[in-house]
Amino acid sequence: MRLGKGSLLFRLTYRYRSEEMLKAAGADANVGLVKAVESGDLTAIKFQMELTGRYNPRIDVNVNVEGLLARVVDIVARHVTPEVMEAIANELEGVVDPSAAVGQVRELAPVFNNAISI
């Protein structure tokens, strides 16, 4: 039985050990990534966001916000009374210009999607 570099036993042992070393290095890589993110490394931040699924550079999300809002207002207007529509308009004005608000304006929750860019 041959036990040199070409032997089956050597190749299987070598593959097993190299895979174990790679797995062990994964923890070090994770710690290094966290340190780089904490230090503000934008490349590391982008990579971390890709790993967690919060950002995908291959997905292009372009939304015409004005057109979308116009359609939403049209839909809402068909289903509510003029008084309700006026209340909605007043609250939306408060979001755009807090000094124009009628009553108390609440801060809107942020919306996260794949449109985040680094």
Protein backbone atom coordinates (compact mmCIF):
# COMPACT_ATOMS: atom_id res chain seq x y z
CA MET A 1 0.00 0.00 0.00
CA ARG A 2 1.40 3.35 -1.08
CA LEU A 3 1.17 6.17 1.53
CA GLY A 4 2.68 9.05 -0.46
CA LYS A 5 0.93 12.21 -1.69
CA GLY A 6 -0.79 10.28 -4.46
CA SER A 7 -2.41 7.71 -2.18
CA LEU A 8 -6.13 7.70 -1.50
CA LEU A 9 -5.60 7.74 2.26
CA PHE A 10 -3.34 10.80 2.02
CA ARG A 11 -5.79 12.69 -0.24
CA LEU A 12 -8.78 11.92 2.01
CA THR A 13 -6.88 12.91 5.16
CA TYR A 14 -5.57 16.06 3.51
CA ARG A 15 -9.06 17.05 2.31
CA TYR A 16 -10.59 16.39 5.74
CA ARG A 17 -7.93 18.43 7.59
CA SER A 18 -8.10 21.33 5.12
CA GLU A 19 -11.91 21.46 5.42
CA GLU A 20 -11.66 21.44 9.23
CA MET A 21 -9.12 24.28 9.10
CA LEU A 22 -11.42 26.26 6.82
CA LYS A 23 -14.36 25.77 9.19
CA ALA A 24 -12.24 26.87 12.16
CA ALA A 25 -11.12 29.97 10.28
CA GLY A 26 -14.78 30.91 9.73
CA ALA A 27 -15.12 32.09 13.32
CA ASP A 28 -12.02 34.27 12.96
CA ALA A 29 -13.41 35.66 9.70
CA ASN A 30 -16.70 36.52 11.41
CA VAL A 31 -14.90 38.30 14.25
CA GLY A 32 -12.75 40.19 11.74
CA LEU A 33 -15.83 41.22 9.76
CA VAL A 34 -17.56 42.52 12.88
CA LYS A 35 -14.46 44.52 13.83
CA ALA A 36 -14.23 45.99 10.32
CA VAL A 37 -17.94 46.92 10.38
CA GLU A 38 -17.56 48.52 13.81
CA SER A 39 -14.59 50.55 12.57
CA GLY A 40 -16.72 51.95 9.73
CA ASP A 41 -15.20 50.06 6.80
CA LEU A 42 -17.82 50.64 4.08
CA THR A 43 -16.80 47.56 2.10
CA ALA A 44 -17.22 45.40 5.21
CA ILE A 45 -20.58 47.04 5.98
CA LYS A 46 -21.79 46.37 2.46
CA PHE A 47 -20.60 42.76 2.64
CA GLN A 48 -22.24 42.24 6.04
CA MET A 49 -25.52 43.64 4.72
CA GLU A 50 -25.32 41.27 1.73
CA LEU A 51 -24.68 38.30 4.04
CA THR A 52 -27.68 39.16 6.20
CA GLY A 53 -29.94 39.77 3.19
CA ARG A 54 -30.55 43.47 3.89
CA TYR A 55 -28.83 44.55 0.68
CA ASN A 56 -28.45 42.92 -2.71
CA PRO A 57 -26.52 44.87 -5.35
CA ARG A 58 -28.01 42.70 -8.10
CA ILE A 59 -31.56 43.88 -7.38
CA ASP A 60 -32.42 47.27 -8.82
CA VAL A 61 -35.32 48.84 -6.97
CA ASN A 62 -36.44 52.05 -8.64
CA VAL A 63 -39.76 53.42 -7.47
CA ASN A 64 -41.44 56.52 -8.80
CA VAL A 65 -42.50 57.81 -5.38
CA GLU A 66 -44.55 60.72 -6.70
CA GLY A 67 -46.45 58.48 -9.10
CA LEU A 68 -47.02 55.88 -6.41
CA LEU A 69 -48.31 58.46 -3.94
CA ALA A 70 -50.62 59.96 -6.58
CA ARG A 71 -52.13 56.53 -7.21
CA VAL A 72 -52.52 55.88 -3.47
CA VAL A 73 -54.27 59.24 -2.99
CA ASP A 74 -56.63 58.47 -5.91
CA ILE A 75 -57.49 55.07 -4.44
CA VAL A 76 -58.04 56.46 -0.94
CA ALA A 77 -60.15 59.34 -2.30
CA ARG A 78 -62.56 56.89 -3.95
CA HIS A 79 -63.22 55.11 -0.65
CA VAL A 80 -63.41 57.84 2.00
CA THR A 81 -65.50 60.92 2.68
CA PRO A 82 -64.19 64.38 1.83
CA GLU A 83 -63.76 65.05 5.56
CA VAL A 84 -61.53 62.00 5.98
CA MET A 85 -59.59 62.96 2.87
CA GLU A 86 -59.01 66.43 4.31
CA ALA A 87 -57.79 64.94 7.61
CA ILE A 88 -55.38 62.70 5.71
CA ALA A 89 -54.14 65.65 3.65
CA ASN A 90 -53.58 67.73 6.80
CA GLU A 91 -51.60 64.93 8.44
CA LEU A 92 -49.51 64.38 5.32
CA GLU A 93 -48.75 68.11 5.16
CA GLY A 94 -47.50 67.77 8.73
CA VAL A 95 -45.11 65.04 7.66
CA VAL A 96 -43.70 67.21 4.87
CA ASP A 97 -43.77 70.46 6.86
CA PRO A 98 -44.17 69.93 10.63
CA SER A 99 -44.99 73.62 11.18
CA ALA A 100 -48.12 73.17 9.02
CA ALA A 101 -49.40 70.23 11.07
CA VAL A 102 -52.87 70.19 12.51
CA GLY A 103 -52.65 68.41 15.81
CA GLN A 104 -49.71 66.27 16.79
CA VAL A 105 -47.52 64.72 14.09
CA ARG A 106 -45.92 61.36 14.79
CA GLU A 107 -42.56 60.45 13.31
CA LEU A 108 -42.89 57.88 10.54
CA ALA A 109 -41.14 54.55 11.02
CA PRO A 110 -38.26 53.98 8.60
CA VAL A 111 -38.78 51.54 5.75
CA PHE A 112 -35.91 49.19 4.96
CA ASN A 113 -35.59 47.38 1.65
CA ASN A 114 -33.03 46.51 -0.98
CA ALA A 115 -32.82 50.13 -2.05
CA ILE A 116 -30.28 50.82 0.71
CA SER A 117 -27.05 51.92 -0.87
CA ILE A 118 -23.63 52.22 0.64
